[in-house]
Amino acid sequence: MNIASAFSSLFALIELGGGFTIPLILASLLTGALVLEQLWLSFLSGRRLKKLQLNPTQVKSIRGMDMVSRMVTHLRSSLQSTEEEQKRVLDRVYNRFERRINWLNLMASIAPLLGLLGTVAGMIRIFSTVAASKPKNPLADLSGGISEALFATGGGLVIAIVAALAYHYLSSRLETHGEAMAEWFTQNRNKLT
């Protein structure tokens, strides 16, 4: 598929769903990017956590952008701190990653509203056009417009379902990794040096 046909497909999609398809496309791109990023970071966290659990002495070789690597890096930089302060460091890193996943929850809430807004705007436009032009067969004019309006609702619901499923899955994985990391820290605090 070349770029010209991709753009013509995109314009056909926008024409099918009306102007409110553009925010839905942007919402779907943002949702997709967030899901892929968080799945990758969750995968890396799981791998590094297993590495630490199997061999706690490898703590010095743990580096990266995932939650477990960030926790280890912050813990190693606060070696002189009390255990309570180090637990606060773990909580801060965990909360930072949790906030990223919460964007998926926001997308799951907003996407159906964007779809509904597109549907309402489409219905208003359809009925005002039919009222102004007084066609001989208003049912034919309405049916094409209604399908256009419902396209926005369907798009919003698909985005919301994907975002909600990803949010719950990734939140569960994050919580599991966070609890395992806190347990690891309690058992191996002295191996951070």
Protein backbone atom coordinates (compact mmCIF):
# COMPACT_ATOMS: atom_id res chain seq x y z
CA MET A 1 0.00 0.00 0.00
CA ASN A 2 1.53 3.29 -1.03
CA ILE A 3 1.13 6.62 0.69
CA ALA A 4 -1.36 8.01 -1.83
CA SER A 5 -3.76 5.09 -1.37
CA ALA A 6 -3.36 5.31 2.42
CA PHE A 7 -4.34 8.97 2.35
CA SER A 8 -7.27 8.30 0.03
CA SER A 9 -8.44 5.56 2.44
CA LEU A 10 -8.10 7.98 5.34
CA PHE A 11 -10.09 10.66 3.51
CA ALA A 12 -12.77 8.10 2.63
CA LEU A 13 -12.96 7.15 6.31
CA ILE A 14 -13.33 10.80 7.33
CA GLU A 15 -16.01 11.27 4.68
CA LEU A 16 -17.90 8.21 5.98
CA GLY A 17 -17.84 9.39 9.58
CA GLY A 18 -17.92 13.13 9.19
CA GLY A 19 -15.69 15.74 10.80
CA PHE A 20 -15.71 14.10 14.20
CA THR A 21 -13.77 11.18 12.74
CA ILE A 22 -10.58 13.26 12.97
CA PRO A 23 -10.57 13.42 16.81
CA LEU A 24 -11.45 9.71 16.86
CA ILE A 25 -8.50 8.92 14.59
CA LEU A 26 -6.21 10.96 16.85
CA ALA A 27 -7.63 9.18 19.92
CA SER A 28 -7.03 5.80 18.30
CA LEU A 29 -3.44 6.72 17.42
CA LEU A 30 -2.78 7.91 20.97
CA THR A 31 -4.40 4.78 22.43
CA GLY A 32 -2.40 2.51 20.14
CA ALA A 33 0.86 4.25 20.98
CA LEU A 34 0.17 4.08 24.71
CA VAL A 35 -0.78 0.40 24.56
CA LEU A 36 2.33 -0.55 22.60
CA GLU A 37 4.63 1.50 24.83
CA GLN A 38 3.18 0.13 28.06
CA LEU A 39 3.14 -3.48 26.80
CA TRP A 40 6.82 -3.15 25.92
CA LEU A 41 7.73 -1.60 29.27
CA SER A 42 5.70 -4.25 31.11
CA PHE A 43 7.48 -7.00 29.18
CA LEU A 44 10.88 -5.49 30.05
CA SER A 45 9.90 -5.10 33.72
CA GLY A 46 8.88 -8.74 33.87
CA ARG A 47 12.17 -9.91 32.34
CA ARG A 48 14.30 -7.76 34.62
CA LEU A 49 12.31 -8.76 37.69
CA LYS A 50 12.88 -12.44 36.92
CA LYS A 51 16.57 -11.71 36.43
CA LEU A 52 16.72 -10.07 39.87
CA GLN A 53 14.74 -12.84 41.53
CA LEU A 54 16.95 -15.55 40.07
CA ASN A 55 20.21 -13.78 40.86
CA PRO A 56 19.97 -10.73 43.19
CA THR A 57 23.68 -10.01 42.73
CA GLN A 58 22.97 -8.88 39.15
CA VAL A 59 21.44 -5.71 40.53
CA LYS A 60 24.36 -3.64 39.17
CA SER A 61 23.69 -4.74 35.59
CA ILE A 62 20.02 -3.69 35.61
CA ARG A 63 19.49 -0.60 33.43
CA GLY A 64 16.65 0.63 31.27
CA MET A 65 13.48 2.69 30.99
CA ASP A 66 11.08 0.15 32.50
CA MET A 67 9.72 0.33 36.05
CA VAL A 68 11.99 -2.31 37.61
CA SER A 69 15.13 -0.74 36.11
CA ARG A 70 14.07 2.70 37.28
CA MET A 71 13.38 1.40 40.78
CA VAL A 72 16.78 -0.29 40.98
CA THR A 73 18.54 2.83 39.66
CA HIS A 74 16.79 5.08 42.18
CA LEU A 75 17.43 2.66 45.03
CA ARG A 76 21.12 2.44 44.18
CA SER A 77 21.35 6.24 44.14
CA SER A 78 19.77 6.44 47.61
CA LEU A 79 21.88 3.83 49.40
CA GLN A 80 22.55 6.14 52.36
CA SER A 81 18.83 6.75 52.91
CA THR A 82 16.73 5.00 55.50
CA GLU A 83 14.61 2.03 54.55
CA GLU A 84 11.48 4.18 54.84
CA GLU A 85 12.91 6.77 52.44
CA GLN A 86 13.85 4.03 49.99
CA LYS A 87 10.29 2.68 50.11
CA ARG A 88 9.06 6.18 49.26
CA VAL A 89 11.43 6.13 46.27
CA LEU A 90 9.83 2.85 45.14
CA ASP A 91 6.38 4.40 45.53
CA ARG A 92 7.33 7.49 43.50
CA VAL A 93 8.62 5.40 40.61
CA TYR A 94 5.55 3.14 40.76
CA ASN A 95 3.21 6.17 40.76
CA ARG A 96 4.97 7.65 37.73
CA PHE A 97 4.32 4.48 35.73
CA GLU A 98 0.78 4.23 37.05
CA ARG A 99 0.03 7.75 35.81
CA ARG A 100 1.10 6.74 32.29
CA ILE A 101 -1.30 3.80 32.30
CA ASN A 102 -4.11 6.01 33.63
CA TRP A 103 -4.10 7.79 30.26
CA LEU A 104 -5.64 4.61 28.84
CA ASN A 105 -8.47 4.90 31.36
CA LEU A 106 -9.00 8.48 30.24
CA MET A 107 -9.12 7.39 26.59
CA ALA A 108 -11.65 4.66 27.48
CA SER A 109 -13.83 7.38 29.03
CA ILE A 110 -13.46 10.04 26.35
CA ALA A 111 -13.67 7.97 23.14
CA PRO A 112 -17.38 7.02 23.48
CA LEU A 113 -18.20 10.64 24.25
CA LEU A 114 -16.38 11.76 21.10
CA GLY A 115 -18.32 9.18 19.13
CA LEU A 116 -21.59 10.30 20.67
CA LEU A 117 -20.77 13.93 19.92
CA GLY A 118 -20.08 12.96 16.30
CA THR A 119 -23.40 11.12 16.16
CA VAL A 120 -25.35 14.05 17.60
CA ALA A 121 -23.64 16.54 15.28
CA GLY A 122 -24.32 14.27 12.30
CA MET A 123 -27.99 13.85 13.24
CA ILE A 124 -28.43 17.61 13.65
CA ARG A 125 -26.83 18.18 10.25
CA ILE A 126 -28.97 15.48 8.59
CA PHE A 127 -32.28 16.68 9.98
CA SER A 128 -31.53 20.32 9.23
CA THR A 129 -30.61 19.41 5.64
CA VAL A 130 -33.78 17.36 5.19
CA ALA A 131 -35.90 20.13 6.75
CA ALA A 132 -34.35 22.80 4.53
CA SER A 133 -34.49 20.91 1.21
CA LYS A 134 -37.84 19.11 1.71
CA PRO A 135 -36.91 16.06 -0.42
CA LYS A 136 -39.49 13.78 -2.07
CA ASN A 137 -38.01 10.71 -0.32
CA PRO A 138 -36.72 11.90 3.11
CA LEU A 139 -36.18 8.32 4.28
CA ALA A 140 -33.47 7.77 1.66
CA ASP A 141 -31.71 11.00 2.66
CA LEU A 142 -31.98 10.16 6.35
CA SER A 143 -30.67 6.59 6.04
CA GLY A 144 -27.37 7.69 4.47
CA GLY A 145 -26.90 10.35 7.10
CA ILE A 146 -27.79 8.05 9.98
CA SER A 147 -25.19 5.50 8.89
CA GLU A 148 -22.64 8.32 8.80
CA ALA A 149 -23.63 9.40 12.32
CA LEU A 150 -23.50 5.87 13.73
CA PHE A 151 -20.04 5.37 12.22
CA ALA A 152 -18.72 7.88 14.78
CA THR A 153 -20.39 6.02 17.66
CA GLY A 154 -18.97 2.69 16.51
CA GLY A 155 -15.47 4.15 16.21
CA GLY A 156 -15.64 5.65 19.68
CA LEU A 157 -16.80 2.37 21.19
CA VAL A 158 -14.03 0.36 19.52
CA ILE A 159 -11.39 2.75 20.85
CA ALA A 160 -12.95 2.66 24.32
CA ILE A 161 -13.06 -1.14 24.43
CA VAL A 162 -9.41 -1.48 23.39
CA ALA A 163 -8.32 1.21 25.86
CA ALA A 164 -10.33 -0.29 28.74
CA LEU A 165 -9.05 -3.82 28.17
CA ALA A 166 -5.47 -2.60 27.88
CA TYR A 167 -5.84 -0.41 30.97
CA HIS A 168 -7.05 -3.27 33.15
CA TYR A 169 -4.46 -5.73 31.85
CA LEU A 170 -1.55 -3.29 32.19
CA SER A 171 -2.70 -2.04 35.61
CA SER A 172 -2.78 -5.60 36.85
CA ARG A 173 0.70 -6.30 35.47
CA LEU A 174 2.06 -3.07 36.97
CA GLU A 175 0.61 -3.90 40.36
CA THR A 176 2.05 -7.43 40.23
CA HIS A 177 5.49 -6.11 39.29
CA GLY A 178 5.32 -3.41 41.97
CA GLU A 179 4.43 -5.88 44.71
CA ALA A 180 7.12 -8.32 43.57
CA MET A 181 9.68 -5.53 43.49
CA ALA A 182 8.73 -4.38 47.01
CA GLU A 183 9.08 -7.95 48.25
CA TRP A 184 12.43 -8.30 46.49
CA PHE A 185 13.61 -5.05 48.07
CA THR A 186 12.65 -6.25 51.56
CA GLN A 187 14.61 -9.47 51.10
CA ASN A 188 17.63 -8.04 49.25
CA ARG A 189 18.08 -4.50 50.52
CA ASN A 190 21.68 -5.22 51.58
CA LYS A 191 22.63 -6.44 48.06
CA LEU A 192 22.11 -3.03 46.47
CA THR A 193 25.64 -1.91 47.27
